[in-house]
ModelCIF file with pLDDT and N, C-alpha, C, O atoms, coordinates in Angstrom:
data_MODEL
#
_entry.id   MODEL 
#
_entity.id                         1 
_entity.type                       polymer 
_entity.pdbx_number_of_molecules   1 
#
_entity_poly.entity_id                      1 
_entity_poly.type                           'polypeptide(L)' 
_entity_poly.nstd_linkage                   no 
_entity_poly.nstd_monomer                   no 
_entity_poly.pdbx_seq_one_letter_code       VFMPTGTLANHLAVRSLAGPGGGRAIVQAEAHLYNDS 
_entity_poly.pdbx_seq_one_letter_code_can   VFMPTGTLANHLAVRSLAGPGGGRAIVQAEAHLYNDS 
_entity_poly.pdbx_strand_id                 A 
#
loop_
_entity_poly_seq.entity_id 
_entity_poly_seq.num 
_entity_poly_seq.mon_id 
_entity_poly_seq.hetero 
1 1  VAL n 
1 2  PHE n 
1 3  MET n 
1 4  PRO n 
1 5  THR n 
1 6  GLY n 
1 7  THR n 
1 8  LEU n 
1 9  ALA n 
1 10 ASN n 
1 11 HIS n 
1 12 LEU n 
1 13 ALA n 
1 14 VAL n 
1 15 ARG n 
1 16 SER n 
1 17 LEU n 
1 18 ALA n 
1 19 GLY n 
1 20 PRO n 
1 21 GLY n 
1 22 GLY n 
1 23 GLY n 
1 24 ARG n 
1 25 ALA n 
1 26 ILE n 
1 27 VAL n 
1 28 GLN n 
1 29 ALA n 
1 30 GLU n 
1 31 ALA n 
1 32 HIS n 
1 33 LEU n 
1 34 TYR n 
1 35 ASN n 
1 36 ASP n 
1 37 SER n 
#
_struct_asym.id          A 
_struct_asym.entity_id   1 
#
loop_
_ma_qa_metric.id 
_ma_qa_metric.mode 
_ma_qa_metric.name 
_ma_qa_metric.software_group_id 
_ma_qa_metric.type 
1 global pLDDT . pLDDT 
2 local  pLDDT . pLDDT 
#
_ma_qa_metric_global.metric_id      1 
_ma_qa_metric_global.metric_value   96.70 
_ma_qa_metric_global.model_id       1 
_ma_qa_metric_global.ordinal_id     1 
#
loop_
_ma_qa_metric_local.label_asym_id 
_ma_qa_metric_local.label_comp_id 
_ma_qa_metric_local.label_seq_id 
_ma_qa_metric_local.metric_id 
_ma_qa_metric_local.metric_value 
_ma_qa_metric_local.model_id 
_ma_qa_metric_local.ordinal_id 
A VAL 1  2 98.00 1 1  
A PHE 2  2 98.00 1 2  
A MET 3  2 98.00 1 3  
A PRO 4  2 98.00 1 4  
A THR 5  2 98.00 1 5  
A GLY 6  2 98.00 1 6  
A THR 7  2 98.00 1 7  
A LEU 8  2 98.00 1 8  
A ALA 9  2 98.00 1 9  
A ASN 10 2 98.00 1 10 
A HIS 11 2 98.00 1 11 
A LEU 12 2 98.00 1 12 
A ALA 13 2 98.00 1 13 
A VAL 14 2 98.00 1 14 
A ARG 15 2 98.00 1 15 
A SER 16 2 98.00 1 16 
A LEU 17 2 98.00 1 17 
A ALA 18 2 97.00 1 18 
A GLY 19 2 94.00 1 19 
A PRO 20 2 90.00 1 20 
A GLY 21 2 85.00 1 21 
A GLY 22 2 89.00 1 22 
A GLY 23 2 93.00 1 23 
A ARG 24 2 96.00 1 24 
A ALA 25 2 98.00 1 25 
A ILE 26 2 98.00 1 26 
A VAL 27 2 98.00 1 27 
A GLN 28 2 98.00 1 28 
A ALA 29 2 98.00 1 29 
A GLU 30 2 98.00 1 30 
A ALA 31 2 98.00 1 31 
A HIS 32 2 97.00 1 32 
A LEU 33 2 97.00 1 33 
A TYR 34 2 98.00 1 34 
A ASN 35 2 97.00 1 35 
A ASP 36 2 97.00 1 36 
A SER 37 2 96.00 1 37 
#
loop_
_atom_site.group_PDB 
_atom_site.id 
_atom_site.type_symbol 
_atom_site.label_atom_id 
_atom_site.label_alt_id 
_atom_site.label_comp_id 
_atom_site.label_asym_id 
_atom_site.label_entity_id 
_atom_site.label_seq_id 
_atom_site.pdbx_PDB_ins_code 
_atom_site.Cartn_x 
_atom_site.Cartn_y 
_atom_site.Cartn_z 
_atom_site.occupancy 
_atom_site.B_iso_or_equiv 
_atom_site.pdbx_formal_charge 
_atom_site.auth_seq_id 
_atom_site.auth_comp_id 
_atom_site.auth_asym_id 
_atom_site.auth_atom_id 
_atom_site.pdbx_PDB_model_num 
ATOM 1   N N  . VAL A 1 1  ? 50.317 -9.559  -57.067 1.00 98.00 ? 1  VAL A N  1 
ATOM 2   C CA . VAL A 1 1  ? 49.190 -10.082 -56.291 1.00 98.00 ? 1  VAL A CA 1 
ATOM 3   C C  . VAL A 1 1  ? 47.894 -9.737  -57.019 1.00 98.00 ? 1  VAL A C  1 
ATOM 4   O O  . VAL A 1 1  ? 47.704 -8.606  -57.466 1.00 98.00 ? 1  VAL A O  1 
ATOM 5   N N  . PHE A 1 2  ? 47.011 -10.718 -57.132 1.00 98.00 ? 2  PHE A N  1 
ATOM 6   C CA . PHE A 1 2  ? 45.690 -10.490 -57.716 1.00 98.00 ? 2  PHE A CA 1 
ATOM 7   C C  . PHE A 1 2  ? 44.840 -9.662  -56.771 1.00 98.00 ? 2  PHE A C  1 
ATOM 8   O O  . PHE A 1 2  ? 44.841 -9.889  -55.561 1.00 98.00 ? 2  PHE A O  1 
ATOM 9   N N  . MET A 1 3  ? 44.113 -8.697  -57.330 1.00 98.00 ? 3  MET A N  1 
ATOM 10  C CA . MET A 1 3  ? 43.124 -7.912  -56.598 1.00 98.00 ? 3  MET A CA 1 
ATOM 11  C C  . MET A 1 3  ? 41.814 -7.960  -57.386 1.00 98.00 ? 3  MET A C  1 
ATOM 12  O O  . MET A 1 3  ? 41.847 -7.967  -58.617 1.00 98.00 ? 3  MET A O  1 
ATOM 13  N N  . PRO A 1 4  ? 40.661 -7.992  -56.711 1.00 98.00 ? 4  PRO A N  1 
ATOM 14  C CA . PRO A 1 4  ? 39.396 -8.066  -57.438 1.00 98.00 ? 4  PRO A CA 1 
ATOM 15  C C  . PRO A 1 4  ? 39.039 -6.783  -58.171 1.00 98.00 ? 4  PRO A C  1 
ATOM 16  O O  . PRO A 1 4  ? 38.279 -6.823  -59.138 1.00 98.00 ? 4  PRO A O  1 
ATOM 17  N N  . THR A 1 5  ? 39.579 -5.625  -57.727 1.00 98.00 ? 5  THR A N  1 
ATOM 18  C CA . THR A 1 5  ? 39.287 -4.357  -58.397 1.00 98.00 ? 5  THR A CA 1 
ATOM 19  C C  . THR A 1 5  ? 40.528 -3.472  -58.426 1.00 98.00 ? 5  THR A C  1 
ATOM 20  O O  . THR A 1 5  ? 41.442 -3.627  -57.615 1.00 98.00 ? 5  THR A O  1 
ATOM 21  N N  . GLY A 1 6  ? 40.541 -2.536  -59.381 1.00 98.00 ? 6  GLY A N  1 
ATOM 22  C CA . GLY A 1 6  ? 41.609 -1.559  -59.440 1.00 98.00 ? 6  GLY A CA 1 
ATOM 23  C C  . GLY A 1 6  ? 41.556 -0.586  -58.286 1.00 98.00 ? 6  GLY A C  1 
ATOM 24  O O  . GLY A 1 6  ? 42.596 -0.113  -57.827 1.00 98.00 ? 6  GLY A O  1 
ATOM 25  N N  . THR A 1 7  ? 40.359 -0.278  -57.807 1.00 98.00 ? 7  THR A N  1 
ATOM 26  C CA . THR A 1 7  ? 40.222 0.617   -56.661 1.00 98.00 ? 7  THR A CA 1 
ATOM 27  C C  . THR A 1 7  ? 40.985 0.077   -55.466 1.00 98.00 ? 7  THR A C  1 
ATOM 28  O O  . THR A 1 7  ? 41.706 0.815   -54.795 1.00 98.00 ? 7  THR A O  1 
ATOM 29  N N  . LEU A 1 8  ? 40.823 -1.228  -55.198 1.00 98.00 ? 8  LEU A N  1 
ATOM 30  C CA . LEU A 1 8  ? 41.530 -1.830  -54.069 1.00 98.00 ? 8  LEU A CA 1 
ATOM 31  C C  . LEU A 1 8  ? 43.031 -1.894  -54.334 1.00 98.00 ? 8  LEU A C  1 
ATOM 32  O O  . LEU A 1 8  ? 43.827 -1.672  -53.421 1.00 98.00 ? 8  LEU A O  1 
ATOM 33  N N  . ALA A 1 9  ? 43.425 -2.193  -55.558 1.00 98.00 ? 9  ALA A N  1 
ATOM 34  C CA . ALA A 1 9  ? 44.851 -2.264  -55.881 1.00 98.00 ? 9  ALA A CA 1 
ATOM 35  C C  . ALA A 1 9  ? 45.540 -0.928  -55.623 1.00 98.00 ? 9  ALA A C  1 
ATOM 36  O O  . ALA A 1 9  ? 46.598 -0.885  -54.995 1.00 98.00 ? 9  ALA A O  1 
ATOM 37  N N  . ASN A 1 10 ? 44.942 0.164   -56.105 1.00 98.00 ? 10 ASN A N  1 
ATOM 38  C CA . ASN A 1 10 ? 45.520 1.485   -55.873 1.00 98.00 ? 10 ASN A CA 1 
ATOM 39  C C  . ASN A 1 10 ? 45.545 1.824   -54.385 1.00 98.00 ? 10 ASN A C  1 
ATOM 40  O O  . ASN A 1 10 ? 46.541 2.331   -53.868 1.00 98.00 ? 10 ASN A O  1 
ATOM 41  N N  . HIS A 1 11 ? 44.441 1.541   -53.710 1.00 98.00 ? 11 HIS A N  1 
ATOM 42  C CA . HIS A 1 11 ? 44.341 1.858   -52.288 1.00 98.00 ? 11 HIS A CA 1 
ATOM 43  C C  . HIS A 1 11 ? 45.402 1.127   -51.474 1.00 98.00 ? 11 HIS A C  1 
ATOM 44  O O  . HIS A 1 11 ? 46.129 1.744   -50.697 1.00 98.00 ? 11 HIS A O  1 
ATOM 45  N N  . LEU A 1 12 ? 45.489 -0.188  -51.654 1.00 98.00 ? 12 LEU A N  1 
ATOM 46  C CA . LEU A 1 12 ? 46.427 -0.957  -50.841 1.00 98.00 ? 12 LEU A CA 1 
ATOM 47  C C  . LEU A 1 12 ? 47.874 -0.659  -51.204 1.00 98.00 ? 12 LEU A C  1 
ATOM 48  O O  . LEU A 1 12 ? 48.765 -0.803  -50.366 1.00 98.00 ? 12 LEU A O  1 
ATOM 49  N N  . ALA A 1 13 ? 48.118 -0.246  -52.447 1.00 98.00 ? 13 ALA A N  1 
ATOM 50  C CA . ALA A 1 13 ? 49.471 0.155   -52.820 1.00 98.00 ? 13 ALA A CA 1 
ATOM 51  C C  . ALA A 1 13 ? 49.887 1.403   -52.044 1.00 98.00 ? 13 ALA A C  1 
ATOM 52  O O  . ALA A 1 13 ? 50.952 1.428   -51.426 1.00 98.00 ? 13 ALA A O  1 
ATOM 53  N N  . VAL A 1 14 ? 49.051 2.430   -52.077 1.00 98.00 ? 14 VAL A N  1 
ATOM 54  C CA . VAL A 1 14 ? 49.375 3.673   -51.369 1.00 98.00 ? 14 VAL A CA 1 
ATOM 55  C C  . VAL A 1 14 ? 49.464 3.414   -49.868 1.00 98.00 ? 14 VAL A C  1 
ATOM 56  O O  . VAL A 1 14 ? 50.368 3.920   -49.203 1.00 98.00 ? 14 VAL A O  1 
ATOM 57  N N  . ARG A 1 15 ? 48.543 2.641   -49.339 1.00 98.00 ? 15 ARG A N  1 
ATOM 58  C CA . ARG A 1 15 ? 48.534 2.322   -47.907 1.00 98.00 ? 15 ARG A CA 1 
ATOM 59  C C  . ARG A 1 15 ? 49.832 1.623   -47.502 1.00 98.00 ? 15 ARG A C  1 
ATOM 60  O O  . ARG A 1 15 ? 50.439 1.973   -46.490 1.00 98.00 ? 15 ARG A O  1 
ATOM 61  N N  . SER A 1 16 ? 50.248 0.648   -48.284 1.00 98.00 ? 16 SER A N  1 
ATOM 62  C CA . SER A 1 16 ? 51.450 -0.124  -47.937 1.00 98.00 ? 16 SER A CA 1 
ATOM 63  C C  . SER A 1 16 ? 52.722 0.702   -48.098 1.00 98.00 ? 16 SER A C  1 
ATOM 64  O O  . SER A 1 16 ? 53.636 0.612   -47.278 1.00 98.00 ? 16 SER A O  1 
ATOM 65  N N  . LEU A 1 17 ? 52.775 1.502   -49.152 1.00 98.00 ? 17 LEU A N  1 
ATOM 66  C CA . LEU A 1 17 ? 53.961 2.328   -49.375 1.00 98.00 ? 17 LEU A CA 1 
ATOM 67  C C  . LEU A 1 17 ? 54.104 3.390   -48.287 1.00 98.00 ? 17 LEU A C  1 
ATOM 68  O O  . LEU A 1 17 ? 55.219 3.732   -47.893 1.00 98.00 ? 17 LEU A O  1 
ATOM 69  N N  . ALA A 1 18 ? 52.980 3.909   -47.802 1.00 97.00 ? 18 ALA A N  1 
ATOM 70  C CA . ALA A 1 18 ? 53.034 4.923   -46.757 1.00 97.00 ? 18 ALA A CA 1 
ATOM 71  C C  . ALA A 1 18 ? 53.566 4.354   -45.447 1.00 97.00 ? 18 ALA A C  1 
ATOM 72  O O  . ALA A 1 18 ? 54.182 5.072   -44.660 1.00 97.00 ? 18 ALA A O  1 
ATOM 73  N N  . GLY A 1 19 ? 53.329 3.063   -45.211 1.00 94.00 ? 19 GLY A N  1 
ATOM 74  C CA . GLY A 1 19 ? 53.848 2.425   -44.013 1.00 94.00 ? 19 GLY A CA 1 
ATOM 75  C C  . GLY A 1 19 ? 53.086 2.802   -42.757 1.00 94.00 ? 19 GLY A C  1 
ATOM 76  O O  . GLY A 1 19 ? 52.074 3.501   -42.823 1.00 94.00 ? 19 GLY A O  1 
ATOM 77  N N  . PRO A 1 20 ? 53.574 2.336   -41.602 1.00 90.00 ? 20 PRO A N  1 
ATOM 78  C CA . PRO A 1 20 ? 52.871 2.572   -40.336 1.00 90.00 ? 20 PRO A CA 1 
ATOM 79  C C  . PRO A 1 20 ? 52.702 4.053   -40.003 1.00 90.00 ? 20 PRO A C  1 
ATOM 80  O O  . PRO A 1 20 ? 51.747 4.427   -39.324 1.00 90.00 ? 20 PRO A O  1 
ATOM 81  N N  . GLY A 1 21 ? 53.614 4.891   -40.472 1.00 85.00 ? 21 GLY A N  1 
ATOM 82  C CA . GLY A 1 21 ? 53.544 6.308   -40.154 1.00 85.00 ? 21 GLY A CA 1 
ATOM 83  C C  . GLY A 1 21 ? 52.531 7.076   -40.967 1.00 85.00 ? 21 GLY A C  1 
ATOM 84  O O  . GLY A 1 21 ? 52.247 8.237   -40.674 1.00 85.00 ? 21 GLY A O  1 
ATOM 85  N N  . GLY A 1 22 ? 51.980 6.436   -41.992 1.00 89.00 ? 22 GLY A N  1 
ATOM 86  C CA . GLY A 1 22 ? 50.979 7.091   -42.830 1.00 89.00 ? 22 GLY A CA 1 
ATOM 87  C C  . GLY A 1 22 ? 51.573 8.205   -43.653 1.00 89.00 ? 22 GLY A C  1 
ATOM 88  O O  . GLY A 1 22 ? 52.275 7.941   -44.629 1.00 89.00 ? 22 GLY A O  1 
ATOM 89  N N  . GLY A 1 23 ? 51.312 9.432   -43.290 1.00 93.00 ? 23 GLY A N  1 
ATOM 90  C CA . GLY A 1 23 ? 51.788 10.547  -44.076 1.00 93.00 ? 23 GLY A CA 1 
ATOM 91  C C  . GLY A 1 23 ? 50.768 10.968  -45.113 1.00 93.00 ? 23 GLY A C  1 
ATOM 92  O O  . GLY A 1 23 ? 49.597 10.598  -45.026 1.00 93.00 ? 23 GLY A O  1 
ATOM 93  N N  . ARG A 1 24 ? 51.207 11.737  -46.091 1.00 96.00 ? 24 ARG A N  1 
ATOM 94  C CA . ARG A 1 24 ? 50.340 12.223  -47.151 1.00 96.00 ? 24 ARG A CA 1 
ATOM 95  C C  . ARG A 1 24 ? 50.781 11.638  -48.482 1.00 96.00 ? 24 ARG A C  1 
ATOM 96  O O  . ARG A 1 24 ? 51.901 11.149  -48.630 1.00 96.00 ? 24 ARG A O  1 
ATOM 97  N N  . ALA A 1 25 ? 49.869 11.701  -49.448 1.00 98.00 ? 25 ALA A N  1 
ATOM 98  C CA . ALA A 1 25 ? 50.177 11.201  -50.790 1.00 98.00 ? 25 ALA A CA 1 
ATOM 99  C C  . ALA A 1 25 ? 49.803 12.252  -51.824 1.00 98.00 ? 25 ALA A C  1 
ATOM 100 O O  . ALA A 1 25 ? 48.717 12.828  -51.766 1.00 98.00 ? 25 ALA A O  1 
ATOM 101 N N  . ILE A 1 26 ? 50.695 12.499  -52.764 1.00 98.00 ? 26 ILE A N  1 
ATOM 102 C CA . ILE A 1 26 ? 50.441 13.411  -53.882 1.00 98.00 ? 26 ILE A CA 1 
ATOM 103 C C  . ILE A 1 26 ? 49.842 12.624  -55.033 1.00 98.00 ? 26 ILE A C  1 
ATOM 104 O O  . ILE A 1 26 ? 50.323 11.539  -55.359 1.00 98.00 ? 26 ILE A O  1 
ATOM 105 N N  . VAL A 1 27 ? 48.791 13.163  -55.654 1.00 98.00 ? 27 VAL A N  1 
ATOM 106 C CA . VAL A 1 27 ? 48.150 12.549  -56.817 1.00 98.00 ? 27 VAL A CA 1 
ATOM 107 C C  . VAL A 1 27 ? 47.816 13.642  -57.824 1.00 98.00 ? 27 VAL A C  1 
ATOM 108 O O  . VAL A 1 27 ? 47.863 14.829  -57.501 1.00 98.00 ? 27 VAL A O  1 
ATOM 109 N N  . GLN A 1 28 ? 47.480 13.237  -59.039 1.00 98.00 ? 28 GLN A N  1 
ATOM 110 C CA . GLN A 1 28 ? 46.917 14.188  -59.997 1.00 98.00 ? 28 GLN A CA 1 
ATOM 111 C C  . GLN A 1 28 ? 45.489 14.539  -59.590 1.00 98.00 ? 28 GLN A C  1 
ATOM 112 O O  . GLN A 1 28 ? 44.751 13.691  -59.087 1.00 98.00 ? 28 GLN A O  1 
ATOM 113 N N  . ALA A 1 29 ? 45.111 15.789  -59.810 1.00 98.00 ? 29 ALA A N  1 
ATOM 114 C CA . ALA A 1 29 ? 43.731 16.186  -59.545 1.00 98.00 ? 29 ALA A CA 1 
ATOM 115 C C  . ALA A 1 29 ? 42.761 15.433  -60.440 1.00 98.00 ? 29 ALA A C  1 
ATOM 116 O O  . ALA A 1 29 ? 41.587 15.295  -60.096 1.00 98.00 ? 29 ALA A O  1 
ATOM 117 N N  . GLU A 1 30 ? 43.233 14.941  -61.587 1.00 98.00 ? 30 GLU A N  1 
ATOM 118 C CA . GLU A 1 30 ? 42.386 14.191  -62.524 1.00 98.00 ? 30 GLU A CA 1 
ATOM 119 C C  . GLU A 1 30 ? 42.462 12.685  -62.304 1.00 98.00 ? 30 GLU A C  1 
ATOM 120 O O  . GLU A 1 30 ? 41.869 11.922  -63.067 1.00 98.00 ? 30 GLU A O  1 
ATOM 121 N N  . ALA A 1 31 ? 43.176 12.248  -61.281 1.00 98.00 ? 31 ALA A N  1 
ATOM 122 C CA . ALA A 1 31 ? 43.405 10.819  -61.082 1.00 98.00 ? 31 ALA A CA 1 
ATOM 123 C C  . ALA A 1 31 ? 42.131 10.083  -60.694 1.00 98.00 ? 31 ALA A C  1 
ATOM 124 O O  . ALA A 1 31 ? 41.270 10.613  -59.991 1.00 98.00 ? 31 ALA A O  1 
ATOM 125 N N  . HIS A 1 32 ? 42.038 8.864   -61.164 1.00 97.00 ? 32 HIS A N  1 
ATOM 126 C CA . HIS A 1 32 ? 40.925 7.981   -60.796 1.00 97.00 ? 32 HIS A CA 1 
ATOM 127 C C  . HIS A 1 32 ? 40.878 7.794   -59.284 1.00 97.00 ? 32 HIS A C  1 
ATOM 128 O O  . HIS A 1 32 ? 39.800 7.790   -58.690 1.00 97.00 ? 32 HIS A O  1 
ATOM 129 N N  . LEU A 1 33 ? 42.038 7.639   -58.663 1.00 97.00 ? 33 LEU A N  1 
ATOM 130 C CA . LEU A 1 33 ? 42.088 7.401   -57.221 1.00 97.00 ? 33 LEU A CA 1 
ATOM 131 C C  . LEU A 1 33 ? 41.526 8.578   -56.445 1.00 97.00 ? 33 LEU A C  1 
ATOM 132 O O  . LEU A 1 33 ? 40.936 8.391   -55.381 1.00 97.00 ? 33 LEU A O  1 
ATOM 133 N N  . TYR A 1 34 ? 41.698 9.787   -56.961 1.00 98.00 ? 34 TYR A N  1 
ATOM 134 C CA . TYR A 1 34 ? 41.223 10.971  -56.260 1.00 98.00 ? 34 TYR A CA 1 
ATOM 135 C C  . TYR A 1 34 ? 39.747 11.254  -56.515 1.00 98.00 ? 34 TYR A C  1 
ATOM 136 O O  . TYR A 1 34 ? 39.049 11.742  -55.626 1.00 98.00 ? 34 TYR A O  1 
ATOM 137 N N  . ASN A 1 35 ? 39.264 10.953  -57.720 1.00 97.00 ? 35 ASN A N  1 
ATOM 138 C CA . ASN A 1 35 ? 37.912 11.352  -58.125 1.00 97.00 ? 35 ASN A CA 1 
ATOM 139 C C  . ASN A 1 35 ? 36.859 10.258  -58.042 1.00 97.00 ? 35 ASN A C  1 
ATOM 140 O O  . ASN A 1 35 ? 35.686 10.549  -57.803 1.00 97.00 ? 35 ASN A O  1 
ATOM 141 N N  . ASP A 1 36 ? 37.255 9.012   -58.233 1.00 97.00 ? 36 ASP A N  1 
ATOM 142 C CA . ASP A 1 36 ? 36.274 7.963   -58.507 1.00 97.00 ? 36 ASP A CA 1 
ATOM 143 C C  . ASP A 1 36 ? 36.348 6.770   -57.567 1.00 97.00 ? 36 ASP A C  1 
ATOM 144 O O  . ASP A 1 36 ? 35.823 5.701   -57.882 1.00 97.00 ? 36 ASP A O  1 
ATOM 145 N N  . SER A 1 37 ? 36.987 6.936   -56.425 1.00 96.00 ? 37 SER A N  1 
ATOM 146 C CA . SER A 1 37 ? 37.171 5.801   -55.522 1.00 96.00 ? 37 SER A CA 1 
ATOM 147 C C  . SER A 1 37 ? 36.568 6.033   -54.148 1.00 96.00 ? 37 SER A C  1 
ATOM 148 O O  . SER A 1 37 ? 36.648 5.160   -53.283 1.00 96.00 ? 37 SER A O  1 
#
């Protein structure tokens, strides 16, 4: 699926994978998703 930005692509991927129950997500402390989004 096309996304206009990488920020949205990463966000919607984690959101969708987490599912309705949400939960937590592990990332690198140096990750773009954690530092720059």
